[in-house]
C-alpha atoms as a PDB file:
ATOM      1  CA  MET A   1      -3.022  -7.183  -7.500  1.00  0.00           C
ATOM      2  CA  LYS A   2      -5.969  -4.784  -7.535  1.00  0.00           C
ATOM      3  CA  LEU A   3      -6.139  -2.048  -4.926  1.00  0.00           C
ATOM      4  CA  HIS A   4      -9.623  -0.678  -4.027  1.00  0.00           C
ATOM      5  CA  PRO A   5     -10.288   2.715  -2.426  1.00  0.00           C
ATOM      6  CA  ILE A   6     -11.876   2.171   0.995  1.00  0.00           C
ATOM      7  CA  THR A   7     -14.845   4.312  -0.155  1.00  0.00           C
ATOM      8  CA  ASP A   8     -15.636   1.538  -2.737  1.00  0.00           C
ATOM      9  CA  ILE A   9     -16.096  -1.093  -0.003  1.00  0.00           C
ATOM     10  CA  PRO A  10     -19.184  -1.351   2.121  1.00  0.00           C
ATOM     11  CA  LYS A  11     -18.492   0.559   5.407  1.00  0.00           C
ATOM     12  CA  ASN A  12     -19.860  -2.321   7.620  1.00  0.00           C
ATOM     13  CA  LYS A  13     -17.221  -4.594   5.946  1.00  0.00           C
ATOM     14  CA  VAL A  14     -14.437  -2.108   6.733  1.00  0.00           C
ATOM     15  CA  THR A  15     -15.586  -1.569  10.274  1.00  0.00           C
ATOM     16  CA  GLU A  16     -15.808  -5.330  10.902  1.00  0.00           C
ATOM     17  CA  PHE A  17     -12.318  -5.751   9.578  1.00  0.00           C
ATOM     18  CA  PHE A  18     -10.979  -3.278  12.096  1.00  0.00           C
ATOM     19  CA  LYS A  19     -12.909  -4.749  14.934  1.00  0.00           C
ATOM     20  CA  SER A  20     -11.525  -8.227  14.165  1.00  0.00           C
ATOM     21  CA  HIS A  21      -7.919  -7.092  13.841  1.00  0.00           C
ATOM     22  CA  TRP A  22      -7.675  -3.967  16.290  1.00  0.00           C
ATOM     23  CA  GLY A  23     -10.553  -4.522  18.585  1.00  0.00           C
ATOM     24  CA  SER A  24     -12.451  -1.541  17.140  1.00  0.00           C
ATOM     25  CA  SER A  25     -12.077   1.007  14.315  1.00  0.00           C
ATOM     26  CA  LYS A  26     -10.683   3.415  16.845  1.00  0.00           C
ATOM     27  CA  MET A  27      -6.946   3.952  16.591  1.00  0.00           C
ATOM     28  CA  VAL A  28      -5.259   5.806  19.476  1.00  0.00           C
ATOM     29  CA  ILE A  29      -1.686   6.760  18.759  1.00  0.00           C
ATOM     30  CA  SER A  30       0.658   9.568  19.823  1.00  0.00           C
ATOM     31  CA  SER A  31      -0.445  11.795  16.852  1.00  0.00           C
ATOM     32  CA  GLY A  32      -4.199  11.539  17.675  1.00  0.00           C
ATOM     33  CA  VAL A  33      -7.355   9.494  17.911  1.00  0.00           C
ATOM     34  CA  TYR A  34      -8.773   8.284  14.519  1.00  0.00           C
ATOM     35  CA  ASP A  35     -11.767   6.392  13.434  1.00  0.00           C
ATOM     36  CA  CYS A  36      -9.990   4.188  10.742  1.00  0.00           C
ATOM     37  CA  SER A  37     -13.283   3.466   8.992  1.00  0.00           C
ATOM     38  CA  GLU A  38     -13.592   7.193   8.252  1.00  0.00           C
ATOM     39  CA  LEU A  39     -10.022   7.639   6.884  1.00  0.00           C
ATOM     40  CA  ASP A  40      -8.791   7.549   3.297  1.00  0.00           C
ATOM     41  CA  GLY A  41      -7.152   4.275   2.420  1.00  0.00           C
ATOM     42  CA  PHE A  42      -6.974   1.248   0.126  1.00  0.00           C
ATOM     43  CA  ALA A  43      -7.800  -2.454   0.478  1.00  0.00           C
ATOM     44  CA  VAL A  44      -6.922  -5.655  -1.290  1.00  0.00           C
ATOM     45  CA  LEU A  45      -9.708  -8.160  -1.618  1.00  0.00           C
ATOM     46  CA  ASN A  46      -9.484 -11.901  -2.166  1.00  0.00           C
ATOM     47  CA  ASP A  47     -11.600 -13.753  -4.780  1.00  0.00           C
ATOM     48  CA  GLU A  48     -14.405 -14.052  -2.241  1.00  0.00           C
ATOM     49  CA  GLY A  49     -14.569 -10.345  -1.700  1.00  0.00           C
ATOM     50  CA  ASP A  50     -12.946 -10.540   1.755  1.00  0.00           C
ATOM     51  CA  ILE A  51     -10.370  -7.899   2.910  1.00  0.00           C
ATOM     52  CA  ILE A  52      -6.934  -9.383   2.959  1.00  0.00           C
ATOM     53  CA  GLY A  53      -4.993  -6.101   3.128  1.00  0.00           C
ATOM     54  CA  LEU A  54      -5.884  -2.596   4.177  1.00  0.00           C
ATOM     55  CA  VAL A  55      -4.031   0.643   4.765  1.00  0.00           C
ATOM     56  CA  THR A  56      -5.439   4.002   6.046  1.00  0.00           C
ATOM     57  CA  TYR A  57      -3.637   7.381   6.045  1.00  0.00           C
ATOM     58  CA  ILE A  58      -3.974  11.125   6.570  1.00  0.00           C
ATOM     59  CA  ILE A  59      -2.185  14.003   4.894  1.00  0.00           C
ATOM     60  CA  ARG A  60      -1.407  17.162   6.725  1.00  0.00           C
ATOM     61  CA  ASP A  61       1.372  19.795   6.673  1.00  0.00           C
ATOM     62  CA  HIS A  62       3.124  17.999   3.690  1.00  0.00           C
ATOM     63  CA  GLU A  63       3.387  14.847   5.558  1.00  0.00           C
ATOM     64  CA  CYS A  64       1.495  11.549   4.883  1.00  0.00           C
ATOM     65  CA  GLU A  65       0.891   9.543   8.033  1.00  0.00           C
ATOM     66  CA  ILE A  66      -0.072   5.791   7.783  1.00  0.00           C
ATOM     67  CA  ILE A  67      -2.512   5.245  10.548  1.00  0.00           C
ATOM     68  CA  SER A  68      -3.050   1.535  10.015  1.00  0.00           C
ATOM     69  CA  LEU A  69      -1.693  -1.260   7.761  1.00  0.00           C
ATOM     70  CA  ASN A  70      -2.744  -4.828   7.840  1.00  0.00           C
ATOM     71  CA  SER A  71      -1.747  -7.667   5.513  1.00  0.00           C
ATOM     72  CA  ILE A  72      -3.597 -10.916   6.387  1.00  0.00           C
ATOM     73  CA  GLU A  73      -1.732 -13.155   3.950  1.00  0.00           C
ATOM     74  CA  GLU A  74       2.049 -12.463   4.466  1.00  0.00           C
ATOM     75  CA  GLY A  75       4.734 -12.886   1.884  1.00  0.00           C
ATOM     76  CA  LYS A  76       2.335 -12.216  -1.085  1.00  0.00           C
ATOM     77  CA  GLY A  77       3.281  -8.589  -1.673  1.00  0.00           C
ATOM     78  CA  ILE A  78      -0.024  -7.204  -0.270  1.00  0.00           C
ATOM     79  CA  GLY A  79       1.683  -4.926   2.297  1.00  0.00           C
ATOM     80  CA  THR A  80       4.310  -3.791  -0.216  1.00  0.00           C
ATOM     81  CA  SER A  81       1.582  -2.882  -2.799  1.00  0.00           C
ATOM     82  CA  LEU A  82      -0.322  -0.935  -0.191  1.00  0.00           C
ATOM     83  CA  ILE A  83       2.861   0.999   0.963  1.00  0.00           C
ATOM     84  CA  ASN A  84       3.742   1.701  -2.690  1.00  0.00           C
ATOM     85  CA  GLU A  85       0.251   3.125  -3.288  1.00  0.00           C
ATOM     86  CA  ILE A  86       0.638   5.342  -0.257  1.00  0.00           C
ATOM     87  CA  GLU A  87       3.973   6.546  -1.524  1.00  0.00           C
ATOM     88  CA  ASN A  88       2.332   7.433  -4.806  1.00  0.00           C
ATOM     89  CA  ILE A  89      -0.438   9.290  -3.085  1.00  0.00           C
ATOM     90  CA  ALA A  90       2.056  11.166  -0.897  1.00  0.00           C
ATOM     91  CA  ILE A  91       4.149  12.261  -3.944  1.00  0.00           C
ATOM     92  CA  LYS A  92       1.049  13.383  -5.773  1.00  0.00           C
ATOM     93  CA  ASN A  93       0.092  15.470  -2.710  1.00  0.00           C
ATOM     94  CA  ASN A  94       3.591  17.030  -2.547  1.00  0.00           C
ATOM     95  CA  CYS A  95       4.354  15.414   0.770  1.00  0.00           C
ATOM     96  CA  LYS A  96       8.020  15.652   2.005  1.00  0.00           C
ATOM     97  CA  LEU A  97       7.711  12.449   4.020  1.00  0.00           C
ATOM     98  CA  ILE A  98       5.689   9.439   4.971  1.00  0.00           C
ATOM     99  CA  LYS A  99       5.604   8.622   8.761  1.00  0.00           C
ATOM    100  CA  LEU A 100       3.986   6.051  10.940  1.00  0.00           C
ATOM    101  CA  VAL A 101       4.108   4.647  14.473  1.00  0.00           C
ATOM    102  CA  THR A 102       4.272   1.103  15.693  1.00  0.00           C
ATOM    103  CA  THR A 103       4.756  -0.345  19.058  1.00  0.00           C
ATOM    104  CA  LYS A 104       8.128  -1.602  20.227  1.00  0.00           C
ATOM    105  CA  ASP A 105       6.926  -5.263  20.384  1.00  0.00           C
ATOM    106  CA  ASN A 106       6.028  -5.283  16.672  1.00  0.00           C
ATOM    107  CA  LEU A 107       9.209  -6.654  15.354  1.00  0.00           C
ATOM    108  CA  LEU A 108       7.549  -7.899  12.133  1.00  0.00           C
ATOM    109  CA  ALA A 109       6.459  -4.323  11.358  1.00  0.00           C
ATOM    110  CA  LEU A 110       9.813  -2.818  12.162  1.00  0.00           C
ATOM    111  CA  ARG A 111      11.478  -5.222   9.866  1.00  0.00           C
ATOM    112  CA  PHE A 112       8.851  -4.736   7.127  1.00  0.00           C
ATOM    113  CA  TYR A 113       9.100  -1.073   7.073  1.00  0.00           C
ATOM    114  CA  GLN A 114      12.816  -0.798   7.327  1.00  0.00           C
ATOM    115  CA  LYS A 115      13.224  -3.100   4.247  1.00  0.00           C
ATOM    116  CA  ARG A 116      10.996  -0.489   2.396  1.00  0.00           C
ATOM    117  CA  GLY A 117      13.217   2.462   3.162  1.00  0.00           C
ATOM    118  CA  PHE A 118      11.740   3.741   6.468  1.00  0.00           C
ATOM    119  CA  ILE A 119      14.111   4.772   9.154  1.00  0.00           C
ATOM    120  CA  LEU A 120      13.617   4.976  12.862  1.00  0.00           C
ATOM    121  CA  SER A 121      12.903   8.551  13.760  1.00  0.00           C
ATOM    122  CA  ARG A 122      12.037   8.693  17.487  1.00  0.00           C
ATOM    123  CA  ILE A 123      10.776   6.721  20.408  1.00  0.00           C
ATOM    124  CA  ILE A 124       7.707   7.945  22.274  1.00  0.00           C
ATOM    125  CA  ASN A 125       8.047   6.626  25.750  1.00  0.00           C
ATOM    126  CA  ASN A 126       4.973   5.434  27.494  1.00  0.00           C
ATOM    127  CA  ALA A 127       2.715   6.439  24.536  1.00  0.00           C
ATOM    128  CA  VAL A 128       0.688   3.228  24.822  1.00  0.00           C
ATOM    129  CA  GLU A 129      -0.019   3.714  28.525  1.00  0.00           C
ATOM    130  CA  GLU A 130      -1.596   7.084  27.565  1.00  0.00           C
ATOM    131  CA  ALA A 131      -3.494   5.474  24.671  1.00  0.00           C
ATOM    132  CA  ARG A 132      -5.009   2.869  27.065  1.00  0.00           C
ATOM    133  CA  LYS A 133      -6.760   5.669  28.940  1.00  0.00           C
ATOM    134  CA  LEU A 134      -8.841   6.168  25.757  1.00  0.00           C
ATOM    135  CA  LYS A 135      -8.753   2.566  24.477  1.00  0.00           C
ATOM    136  CA  PRO A 136      -8.476   0.308  27.458  1.00  0.00           C
ATOM    137  CA  GLU A 137      -8.742  -2.880  25.337  1.00  0.00           C
ATOM    138  CA  ILE A 138      -5.096  -2.376  24.138  1.00  0.00           C
ATOM    139  CA  PRO A 139      -3.302  -5.455  25.588  1.00  0.00           C
ATOM    140  CA  LEU A 140      -0.444  -5.147  28.033  1.00  0.00           C
ATOM    141  CA  ILE A 141       1.669  -7.693  26.446  1.00  0.00           C
ATOM    142  CA  GLY A 142       2.370  -7.978  22.709  1.00  0.00           C
ATOM    143  CA  ASN A 143       4.284 -10.130  20.268  1.00  0.00           C
ATOM    144  CA  ASP A 144       6.926 -12.468  21.623  1.00  0.00           C
ATOM    145  CA  GLY A 145       5.863 -11.626  25.232  1.00  0.00           C
ATOM    146  CA  ILE A 146       7.118  -8.001  24.905  1.00  0.00           C
ATOM    147  CA  PRO A 147       5.259  -5.472  27.030  1.00  0.00           C
ATOM    148  CA  ILE A 148       3.392  -2.936  24.899  1.00  0.00           C
ATOM    149  CA  ARG A 149       4.454   0.433  26.326  1.00  0.00           C
ATOM    150  CA  ASP A 150       6.344   2.614  23.806  1.00  0.00           C
ATOM    151  CA  GLU A 151       5.784   3.692  20.298  1.00  0.00           C
ATOM    152  CA  ILE A 152       8.510   3.896  17.612  1.00  0.00           C
ATOM    153  CA  GLU A 153       8.071   6.446  14.863  1.00  0.00           C
ATOM    154  CA  LEU A 154       9.382   5.598  11.437  1.00  0.00           C
ATOM    155  CA  ILE A 155       9.800   7.961   8.513  1.00  0.00           C
ATOM    156  CA  LYS A 156      10.552   7.817   4.853  1.00  0.00           C
ATOM    157  CA  VAL A 157      11.818  11.023   3.231  1.00  0.00           C
ATOM    158  CA  LEU A 158      10.496  11.400  -0.284  1.00  0.00           C
ATOM    159  CA  SER A 159      12.653  12.888  -3.013  1.00  0.00           C
END
């Protein structure tokens, strides 16, 4: 599986990917507001050149934060490959940990990250209600009918 730096992919393709999966390339989470199409990251493309997996991240204060991660074709190792690449980047940049946030309704993500060594670090109550002030298109109800209200931070300490 070949990973491509986001900078090697036409920007309009990256922006369209975010629009179709997140409503826009703007990500509003408790750590800040980000334009994912402007962040560092990696993508996996299928044979037709379509994005089937994409991760974005930032590095600051010896921490690597995953801002977004999508894998369109589950069970094929795409998400795992993207996480492994982020871990390699974090180690090369002398990061002490990798962190990310997801919403409490995203049980698939919680399972995925914990299987890959991430641990629950904290709950940010009402974080999504605050995010909706900046990005009102965030839905009220998420996966499995669970209200989207709180964020859960996960971390992976690097050795």
